[in-house]
């Protein structure tokens, strides 16, 4: 008997992508939409998204409109309404800063970047309560001159979207998204940063270097102790705990975490605080470095997906000896209902060390395909985790892929495509422009799979 909830590819009347992925995949009542860019996939940026007179038209606004129209048609083809059914939205914005040296010094601020033209355009398509949102800058997208890529998850289970805001003790964001969006059993928390949304702005006497950080997220620069990344992580999780409670959830019910940091050296401090907030049964987690964050002084942004406290769905931690144990404080995967949320995948062992044979030998620089080799290694582990979670690689529905360099993309996705003879997962790919947490790793995967009943 055919499974009515099994993954189905959605192919609307939009420009067909050049690479092997579906514009969107519907599984159960969720729609996973691939990252959309303002491209016709023939010439580059679509002519409709190029200003005829840059003094009269804003390029970011034109590209944003093209992308939002594409997303609208894609969701309509899947039976969803962009104005009310989107639960989570990601916005990826290429920018030349922060530089590698900026990140290394603790500066994650994309100086000069404004997303106001995009926000004004987005608000024409998506109405209140707006979805939980993450917007970060990255180094590059796979189409030259693309200013934005957007992917999203929509839900069509008939539940009413409910937006929640915490009490006055938690600062409200400025960009018009919902700090928490509830859809039935699920709560989606927007990416949050360690800011009070005021910081030193307009202050006659500064509390420290020019910054938007909340006082609680800062360390005293005049003493020898204190860790900025630990202080900031703790403050963000405190905020998220309050926001989750306002929507009828709690951090104990966290299923998936996306953590965006500046430099890989911040990983250790973040993880130390993570263990305090999630001492047992932590959520699946992906940690992505070299992310430009939208408030000056921030070194971390965290977004969470949770179950409501009154949900009857069960959270199951997935473990298998057929894949390496995570090298930090997250499980291999978490299973809830019809979905398996995998933690970050890199071509490494349980100590966070790159597996043998994953890079070219220094004396044989013309030999080997490290993108293909690392993808093959990861997919072997992914297959084992999926099997332990009651599903298979073929049921992966969403992939976000982060490359250290863009020249890895072609042979990496060629290897990836070999595992999907049927429905190809929705996919978003970008270059982050720096070494990953695991030295020598060229690819980081963030995956969600469908689990049959």
Protein backbone atom coordinates (compact mmCIF):
# COMPACT_ATOMS: atom_id res chain seq x y z
CA UNK A 1 0.00 0.00 0.00
CA UNK A 2 1.28 3.46 -0.89
CA UNK A 3 2.13 5.64 2.08
CA UNK A 4 0.08 8.85 1.66
CA UNK A 5 2.51 10.76 3.86
CA UNK A 6 5.66 9.64 2.03
CA UNK A 7 7.91 12.31 0.50
CA UNK A 8 6.69 13.78 -2.78
CA UNK A 9 8.62 16.20 -4.96
CA UNK A 10 6.96 19.50 -5.83
CA UNK A 11 7.75 20.86 -9.28
CA UNK A 12 5.97 24.19 -9.84
CA UNK A 13 6.24 26.42 -12.90
CA UNK A 14 9.51 28.07 -11.90
CA UNK A 15 13.04 28.03 -13.36
CA UNK A 16 14.36 24.47 -13.14
CA UNK A 17 17.48 24.13 -10.98
CA UNK A 18 20.75 23.04 -12.55
CA UNK A 19 21.66 20.60 -9.80
CA UNK A 20 19.91 17.41 -8.60
CA UNK A 21 17.44 18.63 -6.02
CA UNK A 22 13.69 19.19 -5.86
CA UNK A 23 12.33 22.74 -5.57
CA UNK A 24 10.34 21.43 -2.60
CA UNK A 25 9.43 18.16 -0.92
CA UNK A 26 6.20 17.46 0.92
CA UNK A 27 6.24 14.79 3.62
CA UNK A 28 3.39 14.21 6.06
CA UNK A 29 1.99 17.74 6.48
CA UNK A 30 5.31 19.55 6.18
CA UNK A 31 6.72 21.20 3.05
CA UNK A 32 10.48 21.66 2.85
CA UNK A 33 11.40 24.30 0.27
CA UNK A 34 14.85 24.44 -1.31
CA UNK A 35 16.88 27.60 -1.13
CA UNK A 36 15.60 29.90 -3.85
CA UNK A 37 17.70 32.53 -5.61
CA UNK A 38 16.77 35.19 -8.17
CA UNK A 39 18.10 33.11 -11.07
CA UNK A 40 16.67 31.82 -14.32
CA UNK A 41 19.34 29.07 -14.20
CA UNK A 42 20.27 29.94 -17.78
CA UNK A 43 22.09 33.26 -17.73
CA UNK A 44 22.59 33.88 -14.01
CA UNK A 45 20.46 36.48 -12.26
CA UNK A 46 17.08 36.62 -14.01
CA UNK A 47 16.55 39.74 -16.16
CA UNK A 48 13.49 40.68 -14.07
CA UNK A 49 15.71 40.88 -11.00
CA UNK A 50 18.28 43.23 -12.52
CA UNK A 51 17.55 46.97 -12.19
CA UNK A 52 17.40 48.86 -15.46
CA UNK A 53 18.43 51.98 -13.57
CA UNK A 54 20.14 51.34 -10.21
CA UNK A 55 19.32 54.88 -9.12
CA UNK A 56 15.62 54.14 -9.40
CA UNK A 57 15.41 50.49 -8.37
CA UNK A 58 17.02 48.62 -5.48
CA UNK A 59 18.77 45.42 -6.53
CA UNK A 60 18.18 43.61 -3.22
CA UNK A 61 14.48 44.48 -3.39
CA UNK A 62 14.17 43.23 -6.99
CA UNK A 63 15.91 39.94 -6.18
CA UNK A 64 13.80 39.56 -3.06
CA UNK A 65 10.58 40.02 -5.03
CA UNK A 66 11.67 37.45 -7.62
CA UNK A 67 12.51 34.95 -4.87
CA UNK A 68 9.29 35.56 -2.94
CA UNK A 69 7.21 35.05 -6.09
CA UNK A 70 9.07 31.78 -6.70
CA UNK A 71 8.44 30.66 -3.13
CA UNK A 72 4.78 31.63 -3.39
CA UNK A 73 4.24 29.52 -6.52
CA UNK A 74 6.19 26.62 -5.04
CA UNK A 75 4.08 26.54 -1.90
CA UNK A 76 0.86 26.88 -3.88
CA UNK A 77 1.86 23.82 -5.91
CA UNK A 78 2.18 21.94 -2.59
CA UNK A 79 -1.17 23.13 -1.27
CA UNK A 80 0.22 25.82 1.06
CA UNK A 81 -0.25 29.56 1.41
CA UNK A 82 2.91 31.64 1.81
CA UNK A 83 1.01 34.29 3.76
CA UNK A 84 0.10 32.02 6.67
CA UNK A 85 1.56 28.50 6.43
CA UNK A 86 5.30 29.18 6.76
CA UNK A 87 6.60 28.08 10.15
CA UNK A 88 10.32 28.74 9.73
CA UNK A 89 12.26 30.85 7.26
CA UNK A 90 16.01 31.09 6.64
CA UNK A 91 17.63 34.03 4.84
CA UNK A 92 21.24 33.71 3.64
CA UNK A 93 22.97 36.93 2.57
CA UNK A 94 26.41 37.01 0.92
CA UNK A 95 28.66 39.79 2.21
CA UNK A 96 32.38 40.56 2.15
CA UNK A 97 32.59 41.17 5.88
CA UNK A 98 33.27 39.90 8.47
CA UNK A 99 36.63 38.76 7.12
CA UNK A 100 38.39 35.68 8.38
CA UNK A 101 40.56 37.90 10.59
CA UNK A 102 37.44 39.66 11.92
CA UNK A 103 35.94 36.33 12.97
CA UNK A 104 39.23 35.28 14.55
CA UNK A 105 39.24 38.44 16.67
CA UNK A 106 35.65 37.84 17.83
CA UNK A 107 33.94 40.25 15.41
CA UNK A 108 30.92 38.71 13.65
CA UNK A 109 29.39 41.98 12.41
CA UNK A 110 28.70 42.27 8.62
CA UNK A 111 29.60 45.94 8.44
CA UNK A 112 27.53 47.90 5.93
CA UNK A 113 24.92 45.23 5.22
CA UNK A 114 21.29 46.34 5.30
CA UNK A 115 18.33 44.02 4.78
CA UNK A 116 15.63 46.67 4.91
CA UNK A 117 14.78 46.35 1.17
CA UNK A 118 14.32 42.62 1.67
CA UNK A 119 12.20 43.02 4.80
CA UNK A 120 9.93 45.54 3.09
CA UNK A 121 9.42 43.06 0.24
CA UNK A 122 8.93 40.04 2.49
CA UNK A 123 6.22 41.82 4.44
CA UNK A 124 4.15 42.08 1.26
CA UNK A 125 3.92 38.26 1.15
CA UNK A 126 3.98 36.97 4.72
CA UNK A 127 1.52 38.29 7.29
CA UNK A 128 1.20 38.14 11.07
CA UNK A 129 1.97 35.99 12.87
CA UNK A 130 5.18 35.92 10.87
CA UNK A 131 7.30 32.76 10.93
CA UNK A 132 10.29 32.13 13.15
CA UNK A 133 13.23 33.61 11.28
CA UNK A 134 16.98 33.27 10.91
CA UNK A 135 18.98 35.76 8.81
CA UNK A 136 22.76 35.56 8.65
CA UNK A 137 25.47 36.63 6.25
CA UNK A 138 27.68 34.06 4.57
CA UNK A 139 30.54 34.34 2.08
CA UNK A 140 28.98 33.31 -1.25
CA UNK A 141 26.05 31.66 -3.04
CA UNK A 142 26.25 29.39 -6.11
CA UNK A 143 24.95 32.06 -8.52
CA UNK A 144 27.16 35.06 -9.23
CA UNK A 145 25.75 38.40 -7.99
CA UNK A 146 22.97 36.72 -5.98
CA UNK A 147 22.21 38.90 -2.96
CA UNK A 148 19.91 36.53 -1.07
CA UNK A 149 18.85 32.90 -0.83
CA UNK A 150 15.73 31.88 1.08
CA UNK A 151 14.47 28.50 2.18
CA UNK A 152 11.59 27.61 4.46
CA UNK A 153 9.38 25.01 6.10
CA UNK A 154 5.60 25.28 5.77
CA UNK A 155 2.96 23.20 7.58
CA UNK A 156 -0.40 22.23 6.11
CA UNK A 157 -1.94 20.20 8.94
CA UNK A 158 -4.90 22.55 9.39
CA UNK A 159 -3.58 23.98 12.65
CA UNK A 160 -3.79 27.71 13.19
CA UNK A 161 -0.48 29.58 13.40
CA UNK A 162 -0.07 31.30 16.74
CA UNK A 163 2.63 33.85 17.43
CA UNK A 164 3.92 34.37 20.95
CA UNK A 165 6.00 37.03 22.62
CA UNK A 166 7.46 36.74 26.11
CA UNK A 167 6.84 39.20 28.90
CA UNK A 168 8.57 42.56 29.29
CA UNK A 169 11.68 41.00 30.85
CA UNK A 170 12.72 39.60 27.44
CA UNK A 171 13.59 42.18 24.76
CA UNK A 172 11.53 42.05 21.54
CA UNK A 173 13.21 41.84 18.10
CA UNK A 174 13.00 44.73 15.66
CA UNK A 175 12.45 42.95 12.34
CA UNK A 176 8.80 41.92 12.73
CA UNK A 177 9.15 38.13 13.04
CA UNK A 178 7.62 35.98 15.76
CA UNK A 179 10.01 35.09 18.62
CA UNK A 180 7.92 31.89 18.87
CA UNK A 181 5.47 30.40 16.40
CA UNK A 182 3.25 27.47 17.42
CA UNK A 183 1.73 25.04 14.96
CA UNK A 184 -0.15 22.25 16.69
CA UNK A 185 2.37 20.15 18.65
CA UNK A 186 5.34 22.16 17.40
CA UNK A 187 6.96 25.40 18.50
CA UNK A 188 9.53 27.15 16.32
CA UNK A 189 11.79 29.70 18.01
CA UNK A 190 13.45 32.35 15.86
CA UNK A 191 17.19 32.70 15.86
CA UNK A 192 18.06 34.78 18.90
CA UNK A 193 21.17 36.76 19.70
CA UNK A 194 22.57 38.17 22.97
CA UNK A 195 21.08 41.63 22.56
CA UNK A 196 18.52 43.80 24.29
CA UNK A 197 17.93 45.46 20.87
CA UNK A 198 19.21 48.72 22.32
CA UNK A 199 22.77 48.20 23.54
CA UNK A 200 24.85 51.37 23.48
CA UNK A 201 22.70 53.01 20.82
CA UNK A 202 22.11 56.63 21.80
CA UNK A 203 23.84 56.26 25.15
CA UNK A 204 25.77 59.28 26.42
CA UNK A 205 28.09 57.01 28.36
CA UNK A 206 29.05 53.70 26.76
CA UNK A 207 29.11 50.46 28.74
CA UNK A 208 32.04 49.22 26.68
CA UNK A 209 32.99 48.96 23.00
CA UNK A 210 30.27 50.03 20.58
CA UNK A 211 27.85 47.13 20.73
CA UNK A 212 24.24 46.02 20.74
CA UNK A 213 24.85 43.44 23.45
CA UNK A 214 22.68 43.30 26.53
CA UNK A 215 24.46 44.06 29.79
CA UNK A 216 23.84 40.47 30.93
CA UNK A 217 25.73 39.14 27.89
CA UNK A 218 28.93 41.12 28.52
CA UNK A 219 32.02 40.39 30.54
CA UNK A 220 33.94 42.94 32.55
CA UNK A 221 36.93 43.98 30.41
CA UNK A 222 38.83 45.21 33.46
CA UNK A 223 39.33 41.83 35.15
CA UNK A 224 41.14 38.64 34.20
CA UNK A 225 38.19 36.27 34.17
CA UNK A 226 35.04 35.72 32.16
CA UNK A 227 34.30 34.22 28.75
CA UNK A 228 32.41 36.23 26.15
CA UNK A 229 31.10 33.21 24.26
CA UNK A 230 29.97 31.50 27.46
CA UNK A 231 28.28 34.63 28.76
CA UNK A 232 26.53 35.21 25.44
CA UNK A 233 25.43 31.59 25.06
CA UNK A 234 24.00 31.56 28.57
CA UNK A 235 22.06 34.78 27.99
CA UNK A 236 20.60 33.58 24.66
CA UNK A 237 19.46 30.28 26.17
CA UNK A 238 17.92 32.19 29.08
CA UNK A 239 15.96 34.27 26.58
CA UNK A 240 14.89 31.22 24.58
CA UNK A 241 13.74 29.47 27.75
CA UNK A 242 11.42 32.38 28.53
CA UNK A 243 10.19 32.60 24.94
CA UNK A 244 9.49 28.85 24.80
CA UNK A 245 7.45 29.07 28.01
CA UNK A 246 5.27 31.80 26.51
CA UNK A 247 4.29 29.35 23.74
CA UNK A 248 3.58 26.41 26.07
CA UNK A 249 6.93 24.67 25.65
CA UNK A 250 10.24 24.34 27.48
CA UNK A 251 13.86 23.68 26.63
CA UNK A 252 13.42 20.15 27.97
CA UNK A 253 11.23 19.56 24.92
CA UNK A 254 13.81 20.85 22.43
CA UNK A 255 14.14 18.59 19.39
CA UNK A 256 16.55 20.44 17.11
CA UNK A 257 18.99 23.31 17.58
CA UNK A 258 20.74 25.41 14.97
CA UNK A 259 23.70 27.31 16.38
CA UNK A 260 25.48 30.00 14.38
CA UNK A 261 28.87 31.14 15.65
CA UNK A 262 31.64 33.40 14.43
CA UNK A 263 34.94 31.58 14.76
CA UNK A 264 35.35 27.80 15.34
CA UNK A 265 37.31 28.60 18.51
CA UNK A 266 34.01 29.68 20.10
CA UNK A 267 32.71 26.11 19.84
CA UNK A 268 34.25 24.88 23.09
CA UNK A 269 32.82 27.66 25.26
CA UNK A 270 29.39 27.34 23.65
CA UNK A 271 29.38 23.59 24.27
CA UNK A 272 30.33 24.02 27.94
CA UNK A 273 27.26 26.19 28.54
CA UNK A 274 25.11 23.84 26.43
CA UNK A 275 25.83 21.01 28.86
CA UNK A 276 24.50 23.12 31.74
CA UNK A 277 21.21 23.90 29.99
CA UNK A 278 20.80 20.42 28.49
CA UNK A 279 22.41 18.05 31.02
CA UNK A 280 20.42 15.07 29.71
CA UNK A 281 18.82 14.23 26.37
CA UNK A 282 20.07 17.28 24.45
CA UNK A 283 18.43 18.11 21.11
CA UNK A 284 19.92 17.26 17.75
CA UNK A 285 22.28 20.11 16.93
CA UNK A 286 24.10 21.71 14.02
CA UNK A 287 26.80 24.32 14.71
CA UNK A 288 27.89 26.47 11.77
CA UNK A 289 30.88 28.83 11.96
CA UNK A 290 31.66 32.02 10.02
CA UNK A 291 28.14 33.36 10.28
CA UNK A 292 27.73 37.14 10.10
CA UNK A 293 25.24 38.05 12.82
CA UNK A 294 22.75 40.89 12.77
CA UNK A 295 23.76 42.71 15.96
CA UNK A 296 27.15 44.24 16.57
CA UNK A 297 29.09 42.39 19.27
CA UNK A 298 27.19 39.10 18.98
CA UNK A 299 29.22 35.91 18.67
CA UNK A 300 26.33 33.44 18.64
CA UNK A 301 22.78 32.98 17.39
CA UNK A 302 20.56 30.04 18.38
CA UNK A 303 17.28 28.81 16.87
CA UNK A 304 15.25 25.93 18.33
CA UNK A 305 12.48 23.58 17.28
CA UNK A 306 10.49 22.16 20.20
CA UNK A 307 7.44 20.14 21.12
CA UNK A 308 4.79 21.70 23.30
CA UNK A 309 4.67 20.50 26.89
CA UNK A 310 1.19 19.04 26.35
CA UNK A 311 2.06 17.18 23.12
CA UNK A 312 1.60 13.41 23.19
CA UNK A 313 4.40 12.94 20.67
CA UNK A 314 7.49 11.29 22.11
CA UNK A 315 11.08 12.43 21.73
CA UNK A 316 13.43 9.51 21.04
CA UNK A 317 17.21 9.80 21.05
CA UNK A 318 18.76 7.71 18.26
CA UNK A 319 22.07 5.93 18.76
CA UNK A 320 23.98 3.45 16.63
CA UNK A 321 27.47 1.99 16.89
CA UNK A 322 27.62 1.91 13.07
CA UNK A 323 28.40 5.64 12.97
CA UNK A 324 30.83 7.73 15.04
CA UNK A 325 29.57 9.12 18.31
CA UNK A 326 29.26 12.92 18.25
CA UNK A 327 32.40 14.69 19.41
CA UNK A 328 30.38 17.21 21.44
CA UNK A 329 27.16 17.41 23.44
CA UNK A 330 24.49 16.29 20.99
CA UNK A 331 23.00 12.93 19.95
CA UNK A 332 23.42 11.39 16.53
CA UNK A 333 19.75 12.16 15.86
CA UNK A 334 16.36 12.74 17.47
CA UNK A 335 13.17 11.11 16.24
CA UNK A 336 9.72 12.63 16.75
CA UNK A 337 6.65 11.33 14.95
CA UNK A 338 7.31 11.15 11.23
CA UNK A 339 10.61 13.04 11.30
CA UNK A 340 14.22 12.27 12.11
CA UNK A 341 16.38 15.30 12.91
CA UNK A 342 20.06 14.51 12.43
CA UNK A 343 22.88 16.32 14.16
CA UNK A 344 25.69 17.88 12.16
CA UNK A 345 27.61 15.64 9.82
CA UNK A 346 31.28 16.07 8.93
CA UNK A 347 33.83 13.55 7.72
CA UNK A 348 35.34 12.95 11.14
CA UNK A 349 35.60 10.45 13.97
CA UNK A 350 34.16 10.63 17.49
CA UNK A 351 37.08 12.83 18.63
CA UNK A 352 36.42 15.47 16.00
CA UNK A 353 39.43 14.44 13.93
CA UNK A 354 39.21 14.17 10.14
CA UNK A 355 38.92 10.58 8.91
CA UNK A 356 41.87 9.15 6.93
CA UNK A 357 41.91 9.72 3.18
CA UNK A 358 39.67 12.78 3.24
CA UNK A 359 42.18 15.28 1.79
CA UNK A 360 44.73 15.16 -1.01
CA UNK A 361 48.20 13.97 -0.04
CA UNK A 362 50.59 16.92 0.03
CA UNK A 363 52.97 15.10 -2.32
CA UNK A 364 50.20 14.16 -4.78
CA UNK A 365 48.24 17.41 -5.22
CA UNK A 366 46.66 16.33 -8.54
CA UNK A 367 45.08 13.17 -7.15
CA UNK A 368 41.83 12.53 -5.35
CA UNK A 369 38.45 14.22 -5.02
CA UNK A 370 38.13 15.35 -1.40
CA UNK A 371 34.58 16.68 -1.89
CA UNK A 372 33.41 13.32 -3.16
CA UNK A 373 35.36 11.34 -0.58
CA UNK A 374 34.03 13.34 2.35
CA UNK A 375 30.45 13.17 1.10
CA UNK A 376 30.74 9.39 0.67
CA UNK A 377 32.08 9.03 4.22
CA UNK A 378 29.29 11.15 5.67
CA UNK A 379 26.56 9.36 3.73
CA UNK A 380 27.72 6.00 5.06
CA UNK A 381 27.21 7.35 8.57
CA UNK A 382 23.94 9.05 7.65
CA UNK A 383 22.63 5.76 6.26
CA UNK A 384 23.41 3.99 9.54
CA UNK A 385 21.73 6.70 11.62
CA UNK A 386 18.66 6.71 9.39
CA UNK A 387 18.36 2.93 9.69
CA UNK A 388 18.60 3.15 13.47
CA UNK A 389 15.85 5.78 13.36
CA UNK A 390 13.48 3.57 11.36
CA UNK A 391 13.99 5.13 7.97
CA UNK A 392 16.49 5.28 5.08
CA UNK A 393 18.69 7.73 3.21
CA UNK A 394 16.12 7.82 0.40
CA UNK A 395 13.68 9.46 2.82
CA UNK A 396 15.84 12.53 3.50
CA UNK A 397 13.63 15.54 2.78
CA UNK A 398 15.80 18.56 3.63
CA UNK A 399 19.49 19.26 3.24
CA UNK A 400 21.38 22.41 4.15
CA UNK A 401 24.99 22.15 3.00
CA UNK A 402 27.84 24.42 4.09
CA UNK A 403 31.14 24.29 2.20
CA UNK A 404 34.44 25.76 3.31
CA UNK A 405 35.14 26.60 -0.34
CA UNK A 406 32.91 26.72 -3.42
CA UNK A 407 35.13 24.50 -5.59
CA UNK A 408 34.07 21.54 -3.43
CA UNK A 409 30.45 21.84 -4.57
CA UNK A 410 30.47 20.04 -7.93
CA UNK A 411 32.06 16.71 -6.98
CA UNK A 412 30.35 16.79 -3.59
CA UNK A 413 26.82 17.08 -4.95
CA UNK A 414 27.60 14.57 -7.69
CA UNK A 415 28.33 12.01 -4.97
CA UNK A 416 25.26 13.15 -2.98
CA UNK A 417 22.92 12.62 -5.94
CA UNK A 418 23.86 8.94 -6.22
CA UNK A 419 21.81 8.16 -3.11
CA UNK A 420 18.50 9.48 -4.47
CA UNK A 421 17.06 7.66 -7.45
CA UNK A 422 13.52 8.77 -6.54
CA UNK A 423 12.54 11.96 -4.76
CA UNK A 424 15.54 14.25 -4.45
CA UNK A 425 15.66 16.22 -1.17
CA UNK A 426 15.08 19.95 -0.98
CA UNK A 427 18.51 21.54 -0.78
CA UNK A 428 20.26 24.77 0.16
CA UNK A 429 23.99 25.20 -0.43
CA UNK A 430 26.43 28.00 0.36
CA UNK A 431 30.07 28.83 0.92
CA UNK A 432 31.03 29.98 4.41
CA UNK A 433 34.60 30.85 3.49
CA UNK A 434 36.68 29.39 6.28
CA UNK A 435 37.87 26.13 7.87
CA UNK A 436 35.20 24.16 9.72
CA UNK A 437 35.38 23.13 13.37
CA UNK A 438 36.94 19.85 12.22
CA UNK A 439 40.29 20.70 10.65
CA UNK A 440 40.33 19.57 7.00
CA UNK A 441 36.58 19.05 6.70
CA UNK A 442 35.20 20.75 3.60
CA UNK A 443 31.48 20.09 4.08
CA UNK A 444 28.95 20.27 6.90
CA UNK A 445 25.47 18.76 6.46
CA UNK A 446 22.22 19.58 8.25
CA UNK A 447 19.60 16.91 7.46
CA UNK A 448 15.97 16.00 8.18
CA UNK A 449 14.46 12.67 7.11
CA UNK A 450 10.91 11.35 6.92
CA UNK A 451 10.12 8.28 9.07
CA UNK A 452 7.27 6.03 7.89
CA UNK A 453 4.66 4.94 10.43
